[in-house]
Amino acid sequence: MSDGPDDKDEQREQEAPEGSRFPKPPDWNYKRNKTEDVSNKVGNYAGLATGIKYAYLLISPLLGGWFIGYWIDRGGNGNDGQVWGSIIGFFAGLAVVLVSVNRDEG
């Protein structure tokens, strides 16, 4: 008898789990290569991403608070030469930075 394609198909159908059209996968017993520690490699950009994240985390609330305070200063009539809104906005931004860094580290 020949061991043609029809015989192999029938054998695969008999090996298939019940209710499945696919045969059981073969038992692979291969070993993966050990991966290298790439945390200190030159091509790893995780440190750069972390640095940019912290730069935005530190700069954005400060500038945002200052800008909102500046906008309030310039929007009011009769406040020419006063910068209290800018100062308060800057310190409010600083408070947001401190809370954000504390929350991110914890």
Protein backbone atom coordinates (compact mmCIF):
# COMPACT_ATOMS: atom_id res chain seq x y z
CA MET A 1 0.00 0.00 0.00
CA SER A 2 1.16 3.46 -0.75
CA ASP A 3 1.62 6.07 1.88
CA GLY A 4 -0.05 8.74 -0.23
CA PRO A 5 -1.55 12.07 0.77
CA ASP A 6 -4.97 10.51 1.50
CA ASP A 7 -3.52 8.15 4.09
CA LYS A 8 -1.74 10.98 5.91
CA ASP A 9 -4.89 13.12 5.94
CA GLU A 10 -6.89 10.28 7.49
CA GLN A 11 -4.20 9.75 10.11
CA ARG A 12 -4.21 13.47 10.98
CA GLU A 13 -8.00 13.46 11.31
CA GLN A 14 -7.77 10.60 13.78
CA GLU A 15 -5.12 12.48 15.81
CA ALA A 16 -7.19 15.67 15.99
CA PRO A 17 -8.77 16.52 19.36
CA GLU A 18 -12.50 16.06 19.54
CA GLY A 19 -14.43 18.98 18.11
CA SER A 20 -11.41 20.44 16.34
CA ARG A 21 -10.56 20.51 12.68
CA PHE A 22 -6.87 20.88 13.41
CA PRO A 23 -4.49 18.18 14.56
CA LYS A 24 -2.75 18.35 17.90
CA PRO A 25 0.36 20.48 17.73
CA PRO A 26 3.61 18.56 17.99
CA ASP A 27 5.43 18.47 21.29
CA TRP A 28 8.29 20.87 20.76
CA ASN A 29 11.22 20.51 22.99
CA TYR A 30 13.48 23.31 21.87
CA LYS A 31 15.48 25.69 23.98
CA ARG A 32 15.45 29.42 23.45
CA ASN A 33 18.66 31.35 23.44
CA LYS A 34 19.25 33.41 26.52
CA THR A 35 18.38 37.03 25.94
CA GLU A 36 20.97 39.66 26.66
CA ASP A 37 20.43 42.38 29.21
CA VAL A 38 19.90 45.42 27.00
CA SER A 39 19.19 47.90 29.78
CA ASN A 40 22.65 49.46 29.51
CA LYS A 41 23.09 49.21 25.75
CA VAL A 42 23.57 52.29 23.59
CA GLY A 43 20.50 51.59 21.44
CA ASN A 44 18.08 51.47 24.37
CA TYR A 45 15.92 54.58 24.49
CA ALA A 46 14.02 53.82 27.71
CA GLY A 47 16.20 56.26 29.64
CA LEU A 48 15.60 58.99 27.09
CA ALA A 49 11.84 58.46 27.30
CA THR A 50 11.96 58.65 31.09
CA GLY A 51 14.01 61.84 30.95
CA ILE A 52 11.62 63.52 28.53
CA LYS A 53 8.67 62.45 30.68
CA TYR A 54 10.18 64.05 33.77
CA ALA A 55 11.16 67.17 31.84
CA TYR A 56 7.55 67.68 30.76
CA LEU A 57 6.36 66.77 34.25
CA LEU A 58 8.53 69.49 35.76
CA ILE A 59 8.26 72.25 33.16
CA SER A 60 4.63 72.09 31.98
CA PRO A 61 2.83 72.87 35.27
CA LEU A 62 5.25 75.68 36.07
CA LEU A 63 4.77 77.35 32.72
CA GLY A 64 1.04 76.65 32.75
CA GLY A 65 0.58 78.21 36.19
CA TRP A 66 2.68 81.22 35.27
CA PHE A 67 0.79 81.71 31.99
CA ILE A 68 -2.62 81.52 33.66
CA GLY A 69 -1.47 84.04 36.29
CA TYR A 70 -0.05 86.32 33.58
CA TRP A 71 -3.32 86.07 31.66
CA ILE A 72 -5.28 87.02 34.79
CA ASP A 73 -2.90 89.95 35.43
CA ARG A 74 -3.31 91.32 31.93
CA GLY A 75 -7.06 90.69 31.78
CA GLY A 76 -7.99 92.91 34.72
CA ASN A 77 -8.28 96.68 34.40
CA GLY A 78 -6.21 98.81 36.72
CA ASN A 79 -3.62 96.15 37.54
CA ASP A 80 -0.87 97.64 35.41
CA GLY A 81 2.56 96.75 36.74
CA GLN A 82 1.33 94.14 39.21
CA VAL A 83 2.49 90.57 38.80
CA TRP A 84 0.74 88.87 41.70
CA GLY A 85 -1.22 86.57 39.41
CA SER A 86 1.98 85.39 37.74
CA ILE A 87 3.68 84.77 41.07
CA ILE A 88 0.69 82.91 42.52
CA GLY A 89 0.31 80.91 39.29
CA PHE A 90 3.99 79.97 39.35
CA PHE A 91 3.76 78.69 42.92
CA ALA A 92 0.53 76.85 42.14
CA GLY A 93 2.37 75.17 39.25
CA LEU A 94 5.22 74.32 41.61
CA ALA A 95 2.73 72.68 43.98
CA VAL A 96 1.35 70.63 41.09
CA VAL A 97 4.90 69.54 40.18
CA LEU A 98 5.63 68.42 43.75
CA VAL A 99 2.39 66.47 43.99
CA SER A 100 2.95 64.87 40.58
CA VAL A 101 6.52 63.81 41.34
CA ASN A 102 5.48 62.44 44.72
CA ARG A 103 2.62 60.49 43.16
CA ASP A 104 4.82 59.18 40.32
CA GLU A 105 7.58 57.99 42.65
CA GLY A 106 5.24 56.33 45.15
